[in-house]
Amino acid sequence: MVMRIKPEEHASIAAAIAAAEAKTSGEIFCVLARRVSSYRDISMVWAAAAAMILPLGFIPLGFDAHWFPGFGDTWEAGQLAARDVIIGRTIGVYAVVQAAVFVFAYMILRIPPVTRLFTPRSIRRDRTRQAAMHQFLAHGLHVTQDRTGVLIFAALSDRQVEVIADEGIYSRVDPDIWAEAVTALTSGLKASRPAEGFERAIELAGRVLAEHFPPRPRNPDEVPNRIVEI
């Protein structure tokens, strides 16, 4: 999925964050990631399973080295003493078939839509959350004065959205309350309007923060008002 946020949209998102933060002591930061994982390990697991299982279908059909020209078509095939040679060649050919199945399956599984299809949603969700938490820490959302930082994170290739709130918020706000912001951002991404999705999610997150964390008399901007694309 190729989707970029234009410079003018960066500005409108920054303005939306500033407007939301004007009504709260909380801090909002946004990240748009192309992908959070290559999922090579998942592709390798599926390819290995295919290599182990699919060639077994040849065995009931009488699989042996004769199926492949040049492997079993020799004078040794008619000699009782050559039995071990035939078995060895058959095992060798079977191993070659397994290797071919593995390579073919792995190549197919590296196609992004196929990778996503064969990667369990729970794994995509978990890795997206890990990536979001890394960004949360990397951008200092955990060191705000009242621990009221909120990260709005979207992973395009993984089709996952996360909202992470620091412990100051988590202790006072039901985590389920962020579902509306997640839905708004997801809808924007599905419609190929990521900026609109982020702006709507920022507005909703700002409402939650304003309700529970009104602005302080001195209300410095502790985190830059912007969205980062990675």
Protein backbone atom coordinates (compact mmCIF):
# COMPACT_ATOMS: atom_id res chain seq x y z
CA MET A 1 0.00 0.00 0.00
CA VAL A 2 1.62 3.26 -1.16
CA MET A 3 0.24 6.20 0.78
CA ARG A 4 1.99 9.42 1.67
CA ILE A 5 1.00 12.53 3.56
CA LYS A 6 1.56 15.74 1.60
CA PRO A 7 3.47 18.70 3.12
CA GLU A 8 0.28 20.73 3.45
CA GLU A 9 -1.36 17.78 5.20
CA HIS A 10 1.55 17.62 7.64
CA ALA A 11 0.76 21.24 8.47
CA SER A 12 -2.96 20.55 8.95
CA ILE A 13 -2.21 17.59 11.24
CA ALA A 14 0.18 19.75 13.29
CA ALA A 15 -2.56 22.39 13.56
CA ALA A 16 -5.06 19.74 14.69
CA ILE A 17 -2.67 18.59 17.40
CA ALA A 18 -2.10 22.18 18.56
CA ALA A 19 -5.85 22.82 18.69
CA ALA A 20 -6.47 19.66 20.70
CA GLU A 21 -3.61 20.34 23.12
CA ALA A 22 -4.82 23.89 23.76
CA LYS A 23 -7.66 22.36 25.81
CA THR A 24 -5.59 19.88 27.80
CA SER A 25 -2.32 19.30 29.60
CA GLY A 26 -1.91 16.10 27.58
CA GLU A 27 0.46 15.63 24.65
CA ILE A 28 -0.41 13.99 21.32
CA PHE A 29 2.05 12.62 18.79
CA CYS A 30 1.40 10.75 15.53
CA VAL A 31 3.40 8.18 13.56
CA LEU A 32 2.64 6.65 10.16
CA ALA A 33 4.73 3.54 9.43
CA ARG A 34 5.04 1.79 6.08
CA ARG A 35 5.51 -1.56 7.82
CA VAL A 36 6.57 -2.79 11.23
CA SER A 37 8.01 -6.18 10.25
CA SER A 38 9.10 -8.13 7.18
CA TYR A 39 7.54 -11.31 8.67
CA ARG A 40 10.28 -13.39 7.05
CA ASP A 41 10.14 -15.80 9.95
CA ILE A 42 6.44 -16.42 9.33
CA SER A 43 7.07 -17.01 5.62
CA MET A 44 9.86 -19.45 6.45
CA VAL A 45 7.64 -21.40 8.84
CA TRP A 46 4.91 -21.77 6.21
CA ALA A 47 7.45 -22.66 3.49
CA ALA A 48 9.05 -25.28 5.74
CA ALA A 49 5.63 -26.76 6.51
CA ALA A 50 4.85 -26.92 2.79
CA ALA A 51 8.20 -28.60 2.10
CA MET A 52 7.54 -31.19 4.78
CA ILE A 53 3.91 -31.93 3.95
CA LEU A 54 3.25 -31.44 0.23
CA PRO A 55 5.84 -33.96 -1.11
CA LEU A 56 4.23 -36.66 1.06
CA GLY A 57 1.43 -36.71 -1.49
CA PHE A 58 3.80 -38.37 -3.98
CA ILE A 59 4.47 -41.40 -1.78
CA PRO A 60 1.09 -43.17 -2.32
CA LEU A 61 1.72 -42.73 -6.06
CA GLY A 62 4.88 -44.84 -5.87
CA PHE A 63 7.41 -42.02 -5.82
CA ASP A 64 10.96 -43.04 -6.67
CA ALA A 65 14.03 -41.72 -8.50
CA HIS A 66 12.73 -43.00 -11.89
CA TRP A 67 10.32 -40.07 -11.98
CA PHE A 68 13.25 -37.79 -12.68
CA PRO A 69 15.31 -38.53 -15.83
CA GLY A 70 18.94 -39.19 -15.10
CA PHE A 71 18.46 -40.26 -11.49
CA GLY A 72 17.05 -43.78 -11.69
CA ASP A 73 17.40 -44.76 -15.33
CA THR A 74 20.63 -46.86 -15.07
CA TRP A 75 21.63 -50.54 -15.24
CA GLU A 76 21.79 -50.62 -11.43
CA ALA A 77 18.02 -50.54 -11.23
CA GLY A 78 17.84 -54.18 -12.25
CA GLN A 79 20.38 -55.48 -9.79
CA LEU A 80 19.44 -56.68 -6.31
CA ALA A 81 22.79 -55.45 -5.02
CA ALA A 82 21.91 -51.96 -6.19
CA ARG A 83 18.92 -51.68 -3.85
CA ASP A 84 20.76 -49.42 -1.42
CA VAL A 85 21.85 -47.21 -4.32
CA ILE A 86 18.26 -46.90 -5.54
CA ILE A 87 17.00 -46.06 -2.05
CA GLY A 88 19.74 -43.48 -1.63
CA ARG A 89 18.92 -41.88 -4.96
CA THR A 90 15.21 -41.83 -4.15
CA ILE A 91 15.87 -40.13 -0.81
CA GLY A 92 18.15 -37.64 -2.57
CA VAL A 93 15.51 -36.83 -5.17
CA TYR A 94 12.89 -36.47 -2.44
CA ALA A 95 15.15 -33.98 -0.66
CA VAL A 96 15.54 -32.01 -3.90
CA VAL A 97 11.75 -31.92 -4.27
CA GLN A 98 11.42 -30.66 -0.70
CA ALA A 99 13.99 -27.94 -1.35
CA ALA A 100 12.19 -26.88 -4.54
CA VAL A 101 8.84 -26.72 -2.74
CA PHE A 102 10.42 -24.66 0.06
CA VAL A 103 11.95 -22.12 -2.33
CA PHE A 104 8.78 -21.83 -4.44
CA ALA A 105 6.51 -21.48 -1.38
CA TYR A 106 8.83 -18.93 0.22
CA MET A 107 8.90 -16.79 -2.93
CA ILE A 108 5.10 -16.83 -3.12
CA LEU A 109 4.81 -16.01 0.57
CA ARG A 110 7.05 -12.94 0.17
CA ILE A 111 4.42 -11.25 -2.01
CA PRO A 112 3.00 -8.61 0.40
CA PRO A 113 -0.72 -9.49 0.11
CA VAL A 114 0.11 -13.19 0.50
CA THR A 115 2.39 -12.45 3.46
CA ARG A 116 -0.40 -10.53 5.15
CA LEU A 117 -2.93 -13.30 4.41
CA PHE A 118 -0.76 -16.00 5.96
CA THR A 119 0.38 -13.95 8.96
CA PRO A 120 -2.04 -14.41 11.87
CA ARG A 121 -3.72 -11.18 12.88
CA SER A 122 -2.60 -11.67 16.47
CA ILE A 123 1.04 -11.61 15.34
CA ARG A 124 0.52 -8.49 13.22
CA ARG A 125 -1.24 -6.80 16.11
CA ASP A 126 1.51 -7.76 18.57
CA ARG A 127 4.34 -6.52 16.35
CA THR A 128 2.48 -3.31 15.57
CA ARG A 129 2.08 -2.68 19.29
CA GLN A 130 5.79 -3.35 19.85
CA ALA A 131 6.71 -0.89 17.08
CA ALA A 132 4.27 1.68 18.47
CA MET A 133 5.74 1.33 21.95
CA HIS A 134 9.23 1.82 20.52
CA GLN A 135 8.08 5.07 18.88
CA PHE A 136 6.35 6.12 22.10
CA LEU A 137 9.62 5.85 23.99
CA ALA A 138 11.81 7.18 21.18
CA HIS A 139 9.86 10.44 20.99
CA GLY A 140 9.81 11.02 24.74
CA LEU A 141 6.10 10.62 25.32
CA HIS A 142 6.88 8.79 28.54
CA VAL A 143 8.68 11.74 30.14
CA THR A 144 5.96 14.40 30.06
CA GLN A 145 5.35 16.20 33.36
CA ASP A 146 2.14 14.38 34.31
CA ARG A 147 2.72 11.24 32.19
CA THR A 148 -0.10 12.27 29.86
CA GLY A 149 1.42 11.47 26.46
CA VAL A 150 -0.69 9.79 23.75
CA LEU A 151 0.68 8.17 20.60
CA ILE A 152 -1.55 7.62 17.57
CA PHE A 153 0.19 5.02 15.40
CA ALA A 154 -0.75 3.44 12.06
CA ALA A 155 1.05 0.66 10.17
CA LEU A 156 0.03 0.66 6.51
CA SER A 157 1.29 -2.69 5.25
CA ASP A 158 0.16 -4.43 8.42
CA ARG A 159 -3.22 -2.65 8.40
CA GLN A 160 -3.07 -2.06 12.11
CA VAL A 161 -3.74 1.03 14.24
CA GLU A 162 -2.65 1.56 17.84
CA VAL A 163 -3.33 4.28 20.40
CA ILE A 164 -0.92 4.18 23.35
CA ALA A 165 -1.56 6.31 26.43
CA ASP A 166 0.98 6.86 29.20
CA GLU A 167 0.35 5.65 32.76
CA GLY A 168 -1.01 9.01 33.94
CA ILE A 169 -3.88 8.58 31.49
CA TYR A 170 -4.17 4.82 31.75
CA SER A 171 -4.87 5.02 35.48
CA ARG A 172 -7.86 7.33 34.96
CA VAL A 173 -9.28 6.52 31.52
CA ASP A 174 -10.85 3.26 30.40
CA PRO A 175 -8.61 1.90 27.56
CA ASP A 176 -11.73 1.06 25.54
CA ILE A 177 -12.47 4.77 25.19
CA TRP A 178 -9.80 5.03 22.48
CA ALA A 179 -11.75 2.67 20.19
CA GLU A 180 -13.54 5.58 18.51
CA ALA A 181 -10.23 7.23 17.63
CA VAL A 182 -8.92 3.93 16.26
CA THR A 183 -12.06 3.52 14.15
CA ALA A 184 -11.78 7.06 12.79
CA LEU A 185 -8.15 6.59 11.75
CA THR A 186 -8.84 3.16 10.27
CA SER A 187 -11.69 4.60 8.18
CA GLY A 188 -9.43 7.34 6.86
CA LEU A 189 -6.73 4.85 5.89
CA LYS A 190 -9.24 2.57 4.15
CA ALA A 191 -10.47 5.56 2.13
CA SER A 192 -6.85 6.50 1.23
CA ARG A 193 -7.24 9.74 3.19
CA PRO A 194 -4.73 9.24 6.00
CA ALA A 195 -4.50 12.93 6.93
CA GLU A 196 -8.25 13.15 7.48
CA GLY A 197 -8.15 9.97 9.54
CA PHE A 198 -5.36 11.30 11.75
CA GLU A 199 -7.09 14.66 12.20
CA ARG A 200 -10.32 12.99 13.28
CA ALA A 201 -8.44 10.65 15.66
CA ILE A 202 -6.56 13.63 17.11
CA GLU A 203 -9.82 15.48 17.70
CA LEU A 204 -11.34 12.51 19.50
CA ALA A 205 -8.21 11.90 21.59
CA GLY A 206 -8.15 15.60 22.45
CA ARG A 207 -11.71 15.41 23.77
CA VAL A 208 -10.79 12.55 26.09
CA LEU A 209 -7.72 14.38 27.36
CA ALA A 210 -9.60 17.67 27.83
CA GLU A 211 -12.23 15.92 29.93
CA HIS A 212 -9.77 14.30 32.32
CA PHE A 213 -6.69 16.53 32.05
CA PRO A 214 -7.55 20.22 31.68
CA PRO A 215 -4.73 22.62 30.79
CA ARG A 216 -2.40 23.78 33.58
CA PRO A 217 -1.87 27.50 34.32
CA ARG A 218 1.49 27.10 32.62
CA ASN A 219 0.93 24.66 29.81
CA PRO A 220 4.19 24.21 27.86
CA ASP A 221 4.29 22.16 24.69
CA GLU A 222 6.48 19.25 25.79
CA VAL A 223 6.35 17.21 22.58
CA PRO A 224 6.52 18.55 19.00
CA ASN A 225 3.14 18.89 17.27
CA ARG A 226 3.72 16.76 14.22
CA ILE A 227 3.34 13.45 12.47
CA VAL A 228 6.38 11.34 11.62
CA GLU A 229 6.49 8.98 8.62
CA ILE A 230 8.80 5.99 8.93
